[in-house]
């Protein structure tokens, strides 16, 4: 998705990204709050980064190949 140019970096909404939607957030310079254009998520930069770190747990083993299964 293209950079919206509203914030310092191209942050993704953690709430939408958890549902596999790639939505950029708008940044309000006056309040320092990032807000999603699709859902109700609003938060500071620290809250957005913490939410995106939680989403990374979902994709932790994305590049790992599982070839041995020990179900017995």
C-alpha atoms as a PDB file:
ATOM      1  CA  UNK A   1       0.000   0.000   0.000  1.00  0.00           C
ATOM      2  CA  UNK A   2       1.310   3.465  -0.801  1.00  0.00           C
ATOM      3  CA  UNK A   3       2.494   5.881   1.875  1.00  0.00           C
ATOM      4  CA  UNK A   4      -0.278   8.278   2.851  1.00  0.00           C
ATOM      5  CA  UNK A   5       2.164  10.984   3.888  1.00  0.00           C
ATOM      6  CA  UNK A   6       0.311  11.837   7.090  1.00  0.00           C
ATOM      7  CA  UNK A   7       2.738  10.358   9.615  1.00  0.00           C
ATOM      8  CA  UNK A   8       6.443   9.859  10.079  1.00  0.00           C
ATOM      9  CA  UNK A   9       6.332   6.238   8.978  1.00  0.00           C
ATOM     10  CA  UNK A  10       3.899   3.976   7.237  1.00  0.00           C
ATOM     11  CA  UNK A  11       2.158   2.374  10.243  1.00  0.00           C
ATOM     12  CA  UNK A  12      -0.490  -0.288   9.803  1.00  0.00           C
ATOM     13  CA  UNK A  13      -3.543  -0.537  12.016  1.00  0.00           C
ATOM     14  CA  UNK A  14      -2.964  -3.447  14.442  1.00  0.00           C
ATOM     15  CA  UNK A  15      -6.666  -4.223  14.698  1.00  0.00           C
ATOM     16  CA  UNK A  16      -7.141  -4.476  10.927  1.00  0.00           C
ATOM     17  CA  UNK A  17      -3.780  -6.172  10.394  1.00  0.00           C
ATOM     18  CA  UNK A  18      -4.819  -8.927  12.827  1.00  0.00           C
ATOM     19  CA  UNK A  19      -7.670  -9.660  10.396  1.00  0.00           C
ATOM     20  CA  UNK A  20      -5.227  -9.674   7.427  1.00  0.00           C
ATOM     21  CA  UNK A  21      -6.224  -6.220   6.181  1.00  0.00           C
ATOM     22  CA  UNK A  22      -3.422  -3.875   5.177  1.00  0.00           C
ATOM     23  CA  UNK A  23      -4.756  -0.461   6.222  1.00  0.00           C
ATOM     24  CA  UNK A  24      -2.547   2.591   6.790  1.00  0.00           C
ATOM     25  CA  UNK A  25      -3.213   4.957   9.643  1.00  0.00           C
ATOM     26  CA  UNK A  26      -3.573   8.738   9.661  1.00  0.00           C
ATOM     27  CA  UNK A  27      -1.477  10.806  12.055  1.00  0.00           C
ATOM     28  CA  UNK A  28      -2.824  13.907  13.820  1.00  0.00           C
ATOM     29  CA  UNK A  29       0.111  16.240  14.461  1.00  0.00           C
ATOM     30  CA  UNK A  30      -1.774  18.291  17.049  1.00  0.00           C
ATOM     31  CA  UNK A  31      -2.673  15.412  19.372  1.00  0.00           C
ATOM     32  CA  UNK A  32       0.009  12.884  18.406  1.00  0.00           C
ATOM     33  CA  UNK A  33      -2.637  10.203  17.884  1.00  0.00           C
ATOM     34  CA  UNK A  34      -2.734   7.675  15.044  1.00  0.00           C
ATOM     35  CA  UNK A  35      -6.209   6.694  13.830  1.00  0.00           C
ATOM     36  CA  UNK A  36      -7.392   4.025  11.427  1.00  0.00           C
ATOM     37  CA  UNK A  37      -9.496   5.046   8.436  1.00  0.00           C
ATOM     38  CA  UNK A  38     -11.443   1.755   8.469  1.00  0.00           C
ATOM     39  CA  UNK A  39     -12.057   0.799  12.106  1.00  0.00           C
ATOM     40  CA  UNK A  40     -12.271   2.604  15.447  1.00  0.00           C
ATOM     41  CA  UNK A  41      -8.653   2.006  16.532  1.00  0.00           C
ATOM     42  CA  UNK A  42      -6.857   5.085  17.858  1.00  0.00           C
ATOM     43  CA  UNK A  43      -3.612   5.212  19.765  1.00  0.00           C
ATOM     44  CA  UNK A  44      -0.206   6.697  20.312  1.00  0.00           C
ATOM     45  CA  UNK A  45       2.889   5.546  18.469  1.00  0.00           C
ATOM     46  CA  UNK A  46       3.838   3.246  21.356  1.00  0.00           C
ATOM     47  CA  UNK A  47       0.399   1.592  21.335  1.00  0.00           C
ATOM     48  CA  UNK A  48       0.527   1.061  17.570  1.00  0.00           C
ATOM     49  CA  UNK A  49       4.006  -0.461  17.746  1.00  0.00           C
ATOM     50  CA  UNK A  50       2.976  -2.744  20.620  1.00  0.00           C
ATOM     51  CA  UNK A  51      -0.099  -3.883  18.688  1.00  0.00           C
ATOM     52  CA  UNK A  52       1.943  -4.585  15.573  1.00  0.00           C
ATOM     53  CA  UNK A  53       4.420  -6.579  17.663  1.00  0.00           C
ATOM     54  CA  UNK A  54       1.535  -8.776  18.845  1.00  0.00           C
ATOM     55  CA  UNK A  55       0.553  -9.401  15.213  1.00  0.00           C
ATOM     56  CA  UNK A  56       4.084 -10.597  14.432  1.00  0.00           C
ATOM     57  CA  UNK A  57       3.496 -13.603  16.709  1.00  0.00           C
ATOM     58  CA  UNK A  58       0.969 -14.810  14.160  1.00  0.00           C
ATOM     59  CA  UNK A  59       3.617 -14.929  11.430  1.00  0.00           C
ATOM     60  CA  UNK A  60       6.514 -16.149  13.580  1.00  0.00           C
ATOM     61  CA  UNK A  61       6.984 -19.466  11.759  1.00  0.00           C
ATOM     62  CA  UNK A  62       6.091 -18.242   8.286  1.00  0.00           C
ATOM     63  CA  UNK A  63       9.485 -19.111   6.742  1.00  0.00           C
ATOM     64  CA  UNK A  64      10.015 -22.324   8.681  1.00  0.00           C
ATOM     65  CA  UNK A  65       9.368 -25.647   6.998  1.00  0.00           C
ATOM     66  CA  UNK A  66       7.665 -28.349   9.056  1.00  0.00           C
ATOM     67  CA  UNK A  67       8.479 -31.773   7.645  1.00  0.00           C
ATOM     68  CA  UNK A  68       8.371 -33.993  10.727  1.00  0.00           C
ATOM     69  CA  UNK A  69       5.185 -34.388  12.701  1.00  0.00           C
ATOM     70  CA  UNK A  70       5.276 -36.295  15.999  1.00  0.00           C
ATOM     71  CA  UNK A  71       1.644 -36.920  16.739  1.00  0.00           C
ATOM     72  CA  UNK A  72       2.180 -40.448  18.045  1.00  0.00           C
END
